[in-house]
Structure formats: C-alpha cells, structure tokens
Amino acid sequence: MSFGLFQREQRSLFGEILDWMLTPLLLLWPLSLALTWFVAQGIASKPFDRAMEFNLLALTQFVVASNNQVSFNLTPQARDLLRADDSDLVYYQVLDPRGALISGEVDFPLPHDNQTPEPGKVMLRDDTVRGDEVRVAYAWLARSDNPEHLVLMQVAETKGKRSTLATEIIKGVMVPQFIILPLAVLLVWLALVRGIRPLNELEQRIRARKPDDLSPIEESFIPQEVAPLVSSINDLLTRLKASLTTQKRFLADAAHQLKTPLAGLRMQAELAQRETDPQEVHGSLQQIARASTRATHTVNQLLALARAETTGRTLPTVSIDLAELVTGVVQDSVPRAMEHGIDLGYDGPEAMPANCLMEGNSTLLQEMVRNLVDNAIHYSGREGVVTARVLFDRFSGVQILQVEDNGPGIAENERELVLQPFYRALGTNVDGSGLGLAIVHEIAQQHGASVHMEDAHNNRNHRGLRVSVRFSPKSSRAEE
C-alpha cells in the first residue's frame, strides 16, 4: 500500500496569494451588484417622485369647495397631467371629508398611516392598484369654507419608467465592470508574477551553484520580506562550511597521525615474520603492542576532539557540580597514576554549594578534566606529583579548575601553540598525539571558559605546569 496518498500536498505560495486576493474580489462583486441595484432604484425614483409631487400640487388647484360642496373640475390642460403614456398607467382619486368619492378611481387604496394629516403636505408611498405596483403621491387639502374638514387627493403611477431608468443606470455601471473585472484579475496575476520574480531569481542562483560552493548568498537584490529567510540560509551555510571544514581537517589529521603507528606496526610485523630467534620475535610483538596502544590512544583523542568541535553546541546541558565531577575523574585515574608511580591528589571542596552549580555538558566536561589529568600524569615522570584543584568565589560566581604537575612544563612562548591540534612542545621526549590540550581548549570554549597556563614550581629541575580553566559567572550561571 502506498503511503503517498496520505502525504500533504505542497502548497503554492503564488496560488495561495492569488486566491486570497481574488476570492474577496469575486465575493464582493455580487454584493456590489446588489448595492448598485438598490442605489439605482433610489436614483431612478427621485425625479419621478418630484414630478408626481408637482402634478399633485397642480391638480389641487382644481379642487373647489362652495356651499358645503366639494367639486373637482379639470381643464383640458389639466387632464394632460393624468393622461397615461406608453409605459405607465396613472390613477387618481379625490374624496370629500366624509370619504365620499368626488372624482377618480373607486378602488383606490386609502393611506395606511394613522398620523394626524397635515394639510397641504405631499406624502409618498408604495401601494398596489388593480394588481399593479404603483407609486402614490397624496395630500390632505383644507376647505376654504371649513378648514377642519379635509379633502383627500391621491395620484398613483405604475413603475415602468422607474424600472427602465434603474436598469439603464445598472447597465451603465455594471457593463464596464464585466470588462474591468477580468482586466483586474489579469493585472493582479501579472503583479504577482512580477512580485515573486526575485524568488525565482533566488532559486536559479541557488540551483546554479556548484556543490562545493558554500559562500553566503548575496542579499543586495533580495526583497525585505525574504531577507530573514536568506539570512537564515546564510547562517546555515556558514555553520555547514565550518562543519565540513572541521570534518576535512579531522580526516586529514587522523590520516596523518595514524600513518606513523600503522607503518610501525607493519614494519614490526614484517620483522617478526623474518626473525627465527624467539627473543627477537617476542621483542617485535612487544613493539607491536606498544604501537597499537599508541594508535588506540590517538584514535580516542581524535574522536574526543571531533566530538568537542562538532557536537558540543548541540548536546544537552544540565546542572553540574564541578567539584563532584573532578573528584570522580581523579578517582578513576588513580590506577593509572599508581601504574606510573604518580602521587595523584585532589584539593578542594567535596561538593559545590547549591548556588554555585554550573550549566554544562557532563560528557564533555569529564573529557576535559580527564585529558588534563592524563596529560599531567603522562609528562610528570615517575615519582611525580599531580594535583587537581577546584576554586570558587561564592560572591562573584567564578569557578576555576586547576591541574598542576611537577613535570618539565611548557615554555611561555609555546603555551598558545600547544592549544592547537597536533602541536607538541619541544624537548619533552615523551610519546603523545598533541591533542590533549587542544581538546581541553575546545571544550572550554564550548562552555564559555578560558584556559591559562603558568609555571607551578621554581626549582631548576622540575619547573612544573599549572593549567587553569576559568569559568565565568555567565558560563557557570552562579547565583548569589
């Protein structure tokens, strides 16, 4: 069964932006049509309403009241106001104060408002006459002989001309929109194509790069919105370049350092094959054992250096008691010190106060302390003295790890050089890989600490060396 069916489809940034821009436009367009229709209806009704008001006021002049009688006498010119045209029908009605029909349509509906009539004021309403929707203008007229008795006069007109005018208005407004809308969609599409062109150029630049080109991407032509992404990519490229450089250096150093012991192993094996004397064979085997031990030590040192350089920043950190960590390493190193006739000791507190715990990686810090102690044991010679020490300032939060020996020491002009991988101080006459202090320096940097070296003794034969690793309050996170 293929799991591809359940994979999430890759989204298109271009399509998503286009959808978010066009969807509101297409949704608002029908709403615009509806609003235009209502506005057109209002615009179309206003001139016809004014005409009806004018006609009604003109017709009121023909309402005559005399001898308690109301009459409506139209002249031929006045009848033209009520003459129907080709598109609309006109109805009218005149009622006396008692509601009796004076003139006009019998079935004309009465006003629905219950307000007290205001004489002479023209009112408008929508109604139905004989099944036709009409617009009605009506007014209450005060009789000259009796102002309290009001005459009702109404004029109604069907809405054909109004609908025709509203339709023409809508056509005039909406027909251009049928042309503008596709043009707007086209312009939006073209704008998006132009807007994402820098992304396409960025993609082409990245694709055109050679596999070994890890130089930062030029940010001068990058839009402001994409600049953080490009900056992050450049940061990744920088870290990747540093990682690859470290790996290449590790491989080159490993090949260089392992070449000599492996060549010695091969030579001793060839000699052992040619020897017939058991004593000589036994000597060759001892040389092979020593060479394999040195090769194993070199490999372990190389792996420790690679771990410190490439993974130190990503390993998890925990709260660490430096005194407890150092005493543990010293206890583990006692058998090796006794084997070499070294007096190994520890000087410092058994445990740090709770407010002086430091944040760090336990594995790397143990590796650092172990390399300092092993280095001191290795170079002190028999009957040497090696002391590991932990110092701390409760108020400033500074913690110092010291490892002191009474060996030949390191000349002051070489103390910076021995922190580099594979550099060995001159005149020691002791086998080594030149990686111990380099590992210490790298792990110290990973924890924001600094490494210092100074003379431990002043006598002529054994000057000694004291290596101090100073953890600042920021790196140790001490609290007062």
Protein backbone atom coordinates (compact mmCIF):
# COMPACT_ATOMS: atom_id res chain seq x y z
CA MET A 1 0.00 0.00 0.00
CA SER A 2 1.42 3.38 -0.97
CA PHE A 3 1.69 6.00 1.74
CA GLY A 4 1.94 8.77 -0.87
CA LEU A 5 -1.83 9.18 -0.73
CA PHE A 6 -1.57 10.44 2.84
CA GLN A 7 1.21 12.92 2.20
CA ARG A 8 0.28 16.57 2.43
CA GLU A 9 0.33 18.34 -0.91
CA GLN A 10 2.93 21.03 -1.32
CA ARG A 11 1.37 24.46 -1.22
CA SER A 12 1.98 27.08 -3.89
CA LEU A 13 2.80 30.49 -2.48
CA PHE A 14 1.79 32.10 -5.79
CA GLY A 15 -1.54 30.26 -5.85
CA GLU A 16 -2.28 30.99 -2.21
CA ILE A 17 -1.64 34.73 -2.58
CA LEU A 18 -3.70 34.77 -5.77
CA ASP A 19 -6.57 33.02 -4.01
CA TRP A 20 -6.52 35.45 -1.07
CA MET A 21 -6.53 38.42 -3.45
CA LEU A 22 -9.13 37.22 -5.96
CA THR A 23 -11.55 35.50 -3.60
CA PRO A 24 -12.58 38.72 -1.80
CA LEU A 25 -12.80 40.46 -5.17
CA LEU A 26 -15.11 37.80 -6.61
CA LEU A 27 -17.19 37.69 -3.43
CA LEU A 28 -17.57 41.47 -3.28
CA TRP A 29 -18.58 41.72 -6.92
CA PRO A 30 -22.12 40.23 -6.45
CA LEU A 31 -22.51 42.41 -3.36
CA SER A 32 -21.55 45.37 -5.49
CA LEU A 33 -24.24 44.38 -7.99
CA ALA A 34 -26.89 44.25 -5.26
CA LEU A 35 -25.85 47.60 -3.77
CA THR A 36 -25.80 49.17 -7.24
CA TRP A 37 -29.33 47.90 -7.86
CA PHE A 38 -30.67 49.47 -4.68
CA VAL A 39 -28.83 52.72 -5.31
CA ALA A 40 -30.09 52.79 -8.91
CA GLN A 41 -33.66 52.29 -7.70
CA GLY A 42 -33.33 55.28 -5.39
CA ILE A 43 -31.72 57.43 -8.06
CA ALA A 44 -34.39 56.50 -10.62
CA SER A 45 -37.28 57.22 -8.22
CA LYS A 46 -36.24 60.74 -7.19
CA PRO A 47 -37.03 62.63 -10.43
CA PHE A 48 -40.33 60.81 -10.91
CA ASP A 49 -41.30 61.45 -7.27
CA ARG A 50 -40.68 65.18 -7.76
CA ALA A 51 -42.76 65.13 -10.94
CA MET A 52 -45.63 63.41 -9.11
CA GLU A 53 -45.44 65.95 -6.26
CA PHE A 54 -45.56 68.78 -8.79
CA ASN A 55 -48.53 67.23 -10.64
CA LEU A 56 -50.39 66.62 -7.40
CA LEU A 57 -49.93 70.23 -6.27
CA ALA A 58 -51.04 71.39 -9.70
CA LEU A 59 -54.19 69.25 -9.53
CA THR A 60 -55.11 70.54 -6.09
CA GLN A 61 -55.81 73.91 -7.68
CA PHE A 62 -58.88 72.39 -9.31
CA VAL A 63 -60.49 71.28 -6.05
CA VAL A 64 -63.27 73.83 -5.32
CA ALA A 65 -65.40 73.97 -2.14
CA SER A 66 -68.61 76.06 -2.05
CA ASN A 67 -71.92 75.78 -0.23
CA ASN A 68 -70.63 72.80 1.74
CA GLN A 69 -69.97 71.03 -1.53
CA VAL A 70 -66.60 69.93 -2.96
CA SER A 71 -66.05 69.64 -6.69
CA PHE A 72 -63.12 68.73 -8.91
CA ASN A 73 -63.27 70.48 -12.28
CA LEU A 74 -60.41 69.67 -14.63
CA THR A 75 -59.49 71.82 -17.61
CA PRO A 76 -58.28 70.18 -20.82
CA GLN A 77 -54.71 71.21 -19.98
CA ALA A 78 -55.01 69.65 -16.52
CA ARG A 79 -56.26 66.38 -17.97
CA ASP A 80 -52.94 66.06 -19.81
CA LEU A 81 -51.30 65.58 -16.40
CA LEU A 82 -53.39 62.44 -15.88
CA ARG A 83 -53.02 61.11 -19.38
CA ALA A 84 -51.29 57.73 -19.48
CA ASP A 85 -48.14 57.34 -21.57
CA ASP A 86 -46.86 54.30 -23.42
CA SER A 87 -45.10 52.75 -20.42
CA ASP A 88 -47.12 53.65 -17.33
CA LEU A 89 -50.73 53.99 -16.13
CA VAL A 90 -51.88 56.92 -13.97
CA TYR A 91 -54.67 56.67 -11.40
CA TYR A 92 -56.18 59.40 -9.23
CA GLN A 93 -58.86 59.84 -6.60
CA VAL A 94 -60.50 62.74 -4.78
CA LEU A 95 -62.53 62.10 -1.61
CA ASP A 96 -64.59 64.61 0.36
CA PRO A 97 -64.23 64.91 4.16
CA ARG A 98 -66.90 62.23 4.65
CA GLY A 99 -65.00 59.78 2.41
CA ALA A 100 -67.37 60.04 -0.50
CA LEU A 101 -65.84 59.80 -3.98
CA ILE A 102 -65.74 63.13 -5.76
CA SER A 103 -63.71 62.03 -8.80
CA GLY A 104 -61.36 59.31 -9.90
CA GLU A 105 -60.97 55.60 -9.13
CA VAL A 106 -63.38 53.95 -6.72
CA ASP A 107 -61.00 51.11 -5.75
CA PHE A 108 -58.04 53.34 -4.96
CA PRO A 109 -56.50 52.19 -1.60
CA LEU A 110 -56.53 54.63 1.28
CA PRO A 111 -53.35 55.74 3.11
CA HIS A 112 -52.16 53.33 5.81
CA ASP A 113 -50.65 55.91 8.18
CA ASN A 114 -52.51 56.76 11.35
CA GLN A 115 -50.84 60.11 11.90
CA THR A 116 -52.83 63.32 12.06
CA PRO A 117 -52.96 64.68 8.49
CA GLU A 118 -51.01 67.84 7.85
CA PRO A 119 -52.94 69.95 5.33
CA GLY A 120 -51.07 70.76 2.13
CA LYS A 121 -48.13 68.40 2.76
CA VAL A 122 -47.48 65.92 -0.07
CA MET A 123 -46.77 62.35 1.08
CA LEU A 124 -45.38 59.40 -0.90
CA ARG A 125 -45.88 55.68 -0.53
CA ASP A 126 -45.73 52.38 -2.44
CA ASP A 127 -49.03 50.58 -2.97
CA THR A 128 -51.00 48.34 -5.31
CA VAL A 129 -53.85 49.39 -7.59
CA ARG A 130 -55.69 46.73 -9.58
CA GLY A 131 -52.80 44.35 -9.21
CA ASP A 132 -50.15 46.83 -10.37
CA GLU A 133 -47.38 48.09 -8.12
CA VAL A 134 -47.63 51.86 -8.07
CA ARG A 135 -46.02 54.88 -6.51
CA VAL A 136 -48.61 57.07 -4.79
CA ALA A 137 -48.47 60.79 -4.01
CA TYR A 138 -51.26 62.06 -1.77
CA ALA A 139 -52.16 65.13 0.26
CA TRP A 140 -54.91 66.36 2.59
CA LEU A 141 -56.47 69.63 1.50
CA ALA A 142 -58.19 72.09 3.84
CA ARG A 143 -61.51 73.53 2.59
CA SER A 144 -61.63 77.28 2.35
CA ASP A 145 -65.12 77.41 3.82
CA ASN A 146 -64.39 74.89 6.60
CA PRO A 147 -60.65 74.30 7.33
CA GLU A 148 -61.35 71.46 9.75
CA HIS A 149 -62.87 69.31 7.01
CA LEU A 150 -60.06 67.84 4.89
CA VAL A 151 -60.26 66.60 1.31
CA LEU A 152 -58.01 63.66 0.30
CA MET A 153 -56.41 63.75 -3.14
CA GLN A 154 -54.22 60.89 -4.42
CA VAL A 155 -52.32 60.31 -7.67
CA ALA A 156 -50.67 56.94 -8.47
CA GLU A 157 -48.32 55.89 -11.28
CA THR A 158 -47.07 52.46 -12.21
CA LYS A 159 -43.27 51.89 -12.01
CA GLY A 160 -42.42 51.05 -15.60
CA LYS A 161 -40.37 54.18 -16.32
CA ARG A 162 -38.64 53.88 -12.96
CA SER A 163 -37.59 50.29 -13.61
CA THR A 164 -36.44 51.17 -17.10
CA LEU A 165 -34.30 54.04 -15.80
CA ALA A 166 -32.88 51.90 -12.96
CA THR A 167 -31.98 49.18 -15.48
CA GLU A 168 -30.23 51.70 -17.68
CA ILE A 169 -28.28 53.01 -14.70
CA ILE A 170 -27.24 49.48 -13.73
CA LYS A 171 -26.20 48.73 -17.28
CA GLY A 172 -24.15 51.89 -17.39
CA VAL A 173 -22.41 50.97 -14.13
CA MET A 174 -22.09 47.20 -14.35
CA VAL A 175 -21.31 46.60 -18.01
CA PRO A 176 -17.91 48.30 -17.65
CA GLN A 177 -17.28 46.11 -14.62
CA PHE A 178 -17.60 42.99 -16.79
CA ILE A 179 -14.63 44.36 -18.70
CA ILE A 180 -12.79 45.76 -15.68
CA LEU A 181 -13.07 42.57 -13.57
CA PRO A 182 -11.16 40.26 -15.98
CA LEU A 183 -8.67 43.07 -16.54
CA ALA A 184 -8.23 43.41 -12.76
CA VAL A 185 -7.67 39.65 -12.46
CA LEU A 186 -5.07 39.83 -15.23
CA LEU A 187 -3.30 42.78 -13.58
CA VAL A 188 -3.27 41.01 -10.21
CA TRP A 189 -1.78 37.93 -11.84
CA LEU A 190 0.88 39.99 -13.61
CA ALA A 191 1.66 41.87 -10.38
CA LEU A 192 2.13 38.60 -8.52
CA VAL A 193 4.35 37.22 -11.28
CA ARG A 194 6.49 40.34 -11.05
CA GLY A 195 6.39 40.29 -7.24
CA ILE A 196 7.71 36.73 -6.89
CA ARG A 197 10.30 37.16 -9.65
CA PRO A 198 13.06 37.75 -7.04
CA LEU A 199 12.19 34.36 -5.53
CA ASN A 200 12.58 32.72 -8.94
CA GLU A 201 15.91 34.50 -9.43
CA LEU A 202 17.00 33.35 -5.98
CA GLU A 203 16.04 29.79 -6.87
CA GLN A 204 18.03 29.98 -10.12
CA ARG A 205 21.06 31.38 -8.33
CA ILE A 206 20.96 28.58 -5.77
CA ARG A 207 20.46 25.89 -8.43
CA ALA A 208 23.36 27.29 -10.47
CA ARG A 209 25.75 26.91 -7.55
CA LYS A 210 28.40 24.25 -7.54
CA PRO A 211 28.09 21.53 -4.88
CA ASP A 212 31.16 22.80 -3.04
CA ASP A 213 30.12 26.47 -3.10
CA LEU A 214 29.06 27.31 0.46
CA SER A 215 29.63 31.06 0.23
CA PRO A 216 26.82 33.30 1.58
CA ILE A 217 24.01 34.28 -0.79
CA GLU A 218 24.16 37.90 -1.89
CA GLU A 219 21.41 39.84 -0.12
CA SER A 220 21.52 43.10 -2.10
CA PHE A 221 18.84 42.02 -4.61
CA ILE A 222 16.67 40.23 -2.07
CA PRO A 223 13.28 41.82 -1.09
CA GLN A 224 12.93 42.91 2.50
CA GLU A 225 10.34 40.21 3.25
CA VAL A 226 12.69 37.43 2.11
CA ALA A 227 15.81 38.87 3.76
CA PRO A 228 15.30 36.98 7.11
CA LEU A 229 14.98 33.69 5.21
CA VAL A 230 18.13 34.37 3.18
CA SER A 231 19.95 35.44 6.34
CA SER A 232 18.98 32.16 8.00
CA ILE A 233 20.18 30.22 4.94
CA ASN A 234 23.48 32.12 5.00
CA ASP A 235 23.87 31.31 8.68
CA LEU A 236 23.20 27.65 7.90
CA LEU A 237 25.73 27.73 5.05
CA THR A 238 28.32 29.27 7.37
CA ARG A 239 27.76 26.60 10.01
CA LEU A 240 27.75 23.87 7.35
CA LYS A 241 31.01 25.19 5.91
CA ALA A 242 32.58 25.24 9.36
CA SER A 243 31.35 21.69 9.99
CA LEU A 244 32.70 20.42 6.67
CA THR A 245 36.00 22.19 7.29
CA THR A 246 36.22 20.53 10.69
CA GLN A 247 35.44 17.14 9.20
CA LYS A 248 38.03 17.58 6.45
CA ARG A 249 40.61 18.67 8.98
CA PHE A 250 39.72 15.74 11.21
CA LEU A 251 40.12 13.27 8.34
CA ALA A 252 43.42 14.81 7.28
CA ASP A 253 44.74 14.89 10.85
CA ALA A 254 43.56 11.37 11.54
CA ALA A 255 45.25 10.07 8.40
CA HIS A 256 48.45 11.90 9.30
CA GLN A 257 48.53 10.77 12.91
CA LEU A 258 47.62 7.14 12.20
CA LYS A 259 50.06 6.79 9.33
CA THR A 260 53.14 6.59 11.59
CA PRO A 261 51.89 3.99 14.12
CA LEU A 262 50.34 1.88 11.37
CA ALA A 263 53.61 1.96 9.43
CA GLY A 264 55.44 0.91 12.62
CA LEU A 265 53.01 -1.94 13.14
CA ARG A 266 53.54 -3.17 9.61
CA MET A 267 57.33 -2.93 9.93
CA GLN A 268 57.38 -4.79 13.25
CA ALA A 269 55.09 -7.46 11.83
CA GLU A 270 57.40 -7.93 8.85
CA LEU A 271 60.42 -8.16 11.16
CA ALA A 272 58.67 -10.72 13.35
CA GLN A 273 57.95 -12.83 10.29
CA ARG A 274 61.63 -12.86 9.28
CA GLU A 275 63.02 -13.48 12.79
CA THR A 276 63.82 -17.00 13.94
CA ASP A 277 65.08 -16.12 17.40
CA PRO A 278 62.20 -16.34 19.91
CA GLN A 279 63.60 -13.42 21.89
CA GLU A 280 63.63 -11.18 18.83
CA VAL A 281 60.09 -12.26 17.91
CA HIS A 282 58.99 -11.50 21.47
CA GLY A 283 60.59 -8.02 21.25
CA SER A 284 58.82 -7.34 17.95
CA LEU A 285 55.50 -8.38 19.46
CA GLN A 286 56.08 -6.02 22.38
CA GLN A 287 56.76 -3.20 19.92
CA ILE A 288 53.56 -4.10 18.06
CA ALA A 289 51.60 -3.99 21.36
CA ARG A 290 53.03 -0.57 22.25
CA ALA A 291 52.37 0.79 18.76
CA SER A 292 48.77 -0.48 18.82
CA THR A 293 48.29 1.14 22.24
CA ARG A 294 49.55 4.47 20.90
CA ALA A 295 47.30 4.13 17.84
CA THR A 296 44.28 3.38 20.05
CA HIS A 297 45.07 6.40 22.23
CA THR A 298 45.42 8.60 19.16
CA VAL A 299 42.08 7.39 17.76
CA ASN A 300 40.35 8.06 21.08
CA GLN A 301 41.86 11.53 21.22
CA LEU A 302 40.79 12.27 17.66
CA LEU A 303 37.24 11.14 18.39
CA ALA A 304 37.14 13.30 21.53
CA LEU A 305 38.34 16.34 19.57
CA ALA A 306 35.81 15.72 16.81
CA ARG A 307 33.02 15.36 19.37
CA ALA A 308 34.02 18.60 21.08
CA GLU A 309 34.29 20.55 17.80
CA THR A 310 31.17 19.33 16.00
CA THR A 311 28.59 18.40 18.61
CA GLY A 312 29.42 20.45 21.66
CA ARG A 313 26.88 23.15 20.85
CA THR A 314 24.04 20.72 20.32
CA LEU A 315 24.49 18.36 23.26
CA PRO A 316 22.06 18.86 26.15
CA THR A 317 23.25 20.72 29.25
CA VAL A 318 22.45 20.02 32.90
CA SER A 319 23.33 21.50 36.27
CA ILE A 320 26.81 20.22 37.17
CA ASP A 321 28.70 20.16 40.46
CA LEU A 322 32.27 20.85 39.25
CA ALA A 323 33.86 19.57 42.48
CA GLU A 324 31.95 16.30 42.32
CA LEU A 325 32.81 15.87 38.62
CA VAL A 326 36.55 16.47 39.21
CA THR A 327 36.76 14.12 42.20
CA GLY A 328 35.08 11.40 40.13
CA VAL A 329 37.63 11.74 37.32
CA VAL A 330 40.52 11.78 39.82
CA GLN A 331 39.26 8.57 41.45
CA ASP A 332 39.00 6.89 38.04
CA SER A 333 42.58 7.97 37.20
CA VAL A 334 44.17 6.65 40.41
CA PRO A 335 45.03 3.17 38.98
CA ARG A 336 46.85 4.71 36.00
CA ALA A 337 48.68 7.15 38.29
CA MET A 338 49.81 4.29 40.55
CA GLU A 339 50.98 2.35 37.49
CA HIS A 340 53.25 5.28 36.57
CA GLY A 341 54.33 5.93 40.16
CA ILE A 342 52.48 9.26 40.32
CA ASP A 343 51.14 10.81 43.50
CA LEU A 344 47.69 11.95 42.32
CA GLY A 345 45.54 14.02 44.68
CA TYR A 346 42.61 16.42 44.85
CA ASP A 347 42.49 19.76 46.66
CA GLY A 348 39.15 21.46 47.03
CA PRO A 349 35.59 21.09 48.32
CA GLU A 350 33.85 17.74 48.13
CA ALA A 351 30.77 19.41 46.71
CA MET A 352 29.87 22.88 45.48
CA PRO A 353 27.23 25.00 47.23
CA ALA A 354 23.78 24.80 45.71
CA ASN A 355 24.03 28.38 44.40
CA CYS A 356 27.30 27.66 42.57
CA LEU A 357 26.20 24.85 40.27
CA MET A 358 27.10 25.43 36.62
CA GLU A 359 25.30 24.61 33.39
CA GLY A 360 27.25 22.40 31.01
CA ASN A 361 27.55 19.09 29.23
CA SER A 362 28.69 16.42 31.63
CA THR A 363 30.29 14.19 28.98
CA LEU A 364 32.44 16.95 27.51
CA LEU A 365 33.47 18.36 30.88
CA GLN A 366 34.54 14.90 32.09
CA GLU A 367 36.55 14.54 28.87
CA MET A 368 38.23 17.88 29.54
CA VAL A 369 39.19 17.02 33.13
CA ARG A 370 40.35 13.54 32.10
CA ASN A 371 42.64 14.98 29.41
CA LEU A 372 44.16 17.47 31.88
CA VAL A 373 44.84 14.71 34.44
CA ASP A 374 46.12 12.23 31.84
CA ASN A 375 48.37 14.91 30.33
CA ALA A 376 49.82 15.73 33.74
CA ILE A 377 50.41 12.03 34.56
CA HIS A 378 51.95 11.42 31.17
CA TYR A 379 54.52 14.23 31.40
CA SER A 380 55.34 14.15 35.14
CA GLY A 381 57.50 11.04 35.05
CA ARG A 382 57.88 8.51 37.84
CA GLU A 383 57.54 9.75 41.40
CA GLY A 384 55.84 12.85 40.08
CA VAL A 385 53.09 14.77 41.87
CA VAL A 386 49.82 15.73 40.19
CA THR A 387 47.14 17.77 41.97
CA ALA A 388 43.65 18.58 40.71
CA ARG A 389 42.10 21.60 42.37
CA VAL A 390 38.72 23.38 42.33
CA LEU A 391 38.45 27.01 43.45
CA PHE A 392 35.36 29.18 43.55
CA ASP A 393 34.25 32.61 44.68
CA ARG A 394 30.85 32.47 46.33
CA PHE A 395 30.13 36.16 45.62
CA SER A 396 31.37 36.62 42.04
CA GLY A 397 30.37 33.14 40.88
CA VAL A 398 33.76 32.47 39.26
CA GLN A 399 34.86 28.80 39.32
CA ILE A 400 38.41 27.67 38.48
CA LEU A 401 39.64 24.18 37.69
CA GLN A 402 43.40 23.68 38.11
CA VAL A 403 45.59 20.68 37.33
CA GLU A 404 49.16 21.03 38.49
CA ASP A 405 52.18 18.78 37.96
CA ASN A 406 55.94 18.89 38.57
CA GLY A 407 56.97 17.82 35.08
CA PRO A 408 59.16 19.72 32.59
CA GLY A 409 56.47 22.31 31.96
CA ILE A 410 55.91 24.29 28.76
CA ALA A 411 57.91 27.29 27.65
CA GLU A 412 55.97 30.54 27.78
CA ASN A 413 56.32 31.15 24.04
CA GLU A 414 54.76 27.75 23.27
CA ARG A 415 51.74 27.92 25.58
CA GLU A 416 49.45 29.31 22.90
CA LEU A 417 50.75 26.86 20.31
CA VAL A 418 50.06 23.73 22.37
CA LEU A 419 46.36 24.60 22.33
CA GLN A 420 46.35 23.84 18.60
CA PRO A 421 45.78 20.24 17.47
CA PHE A 422 48.89 18.05 16.98
CA TYR A 423 51.39 20.60 18.28
CA ARG A 424 53.80 19.14 20.83
CA ALA A 425 56.20 21.13 22.98
CA LEU A 426 59.86 20.69 22.15
CA GLY A 427 62.24 18.82 24.41
CA THR A 428 59.70 16.63 26.23
CA ASN A 429 60.93 13.30 24.80
CA VAL A 430 57.55 11.77 25.67
CA ASP A 431 55.25 10.00 23.22
CA GLY A 432 51.96 11.76 22.60
CA SER A 433 49.44 12.80 19.97
CA GLY A 434 49.46 16.54 20.66
CA LEU A 435 45.68 16.55 21.12
CA GLY A 436 45.12 16.65 24.88
CA LEU A 437 45.34 20.41 25.45
CA ALA A 438 43.60 21.10 22.12
CA ILE A 439 40.62 19.06 23.37
CA VAL A 440 40.70 20.96 26.67
CA HIS A 441 40.73 24.30 24.84
CA GLU A 442 37.85 23.35 22.53
CA ILE A 443 35.61 22.08 25.35
CA ALA A 444 36.40 25.17 27.44
CA GLN A 445 35.32 27.40 24.54
CA GLN A 446 32.09 25.42 24.22
CA HIS A 447 31.33 26.34 27.84
CA GLY A 448 32.43 29.98 27.66
CA ALA A 449 35.55 29.30 29.75
CA SER A 450 39.18 30.32 29.22
CA VAL A 451 42.40 28.28 29.55
CA HIS A 452 45.56 29.70 31.16
CA MET A 453 48.96 28.11 31.77
CA GLU A 454 51.69 29.12 34.22
CA ASP A 455 54.72 27.70 35.98
CA ALA A 456 53.85 25.59 39.00
CA HIS A 457 57.34 25.33 40.59
CA ASN A 458 60.51 27.41 40.51
CA ASN A 459 63.21 24.76 41.13
CA ARG A 460 65.71 24.17 38.37
CA ASN A 461 64.98 20.52 37.63
CA HIS A 462 61.17 20.44 37.78
CA ARG A 463 59.60 23.66 36.80
CA GLY A 464 56.15 22.11 36.58
CA LEU A 465 52.98 23.35 34.87
CA ARG A 466 49.67 24.61 36.22
CA VAL A 467 46.75 24.62 33.78
CA SER A 468 43.74 26.69 34.90
CA VAL A 469 40.29 26.66 33.32
CA ARG A 470 38.29 29.70 34.44
CA PHE A 471 34.51 29.51 34.22
CA SER A 472 32.94 32.98 34.24
CA PRO A 473 29.69 33.68 36.10
CA LYS A 474 27.85 33.75 32.76
CA SER A 475 29.07 30.28 31.84
CA SER A 476 28.66 28.83 35.32
CA ARG A 477 25.38 30.63 35.99
CA ALA A 478 26.17 31.07 39.66
CA GLU A 479 23.59 32.76 41.83
CA GLU A 480 24.33 34.81 44.87
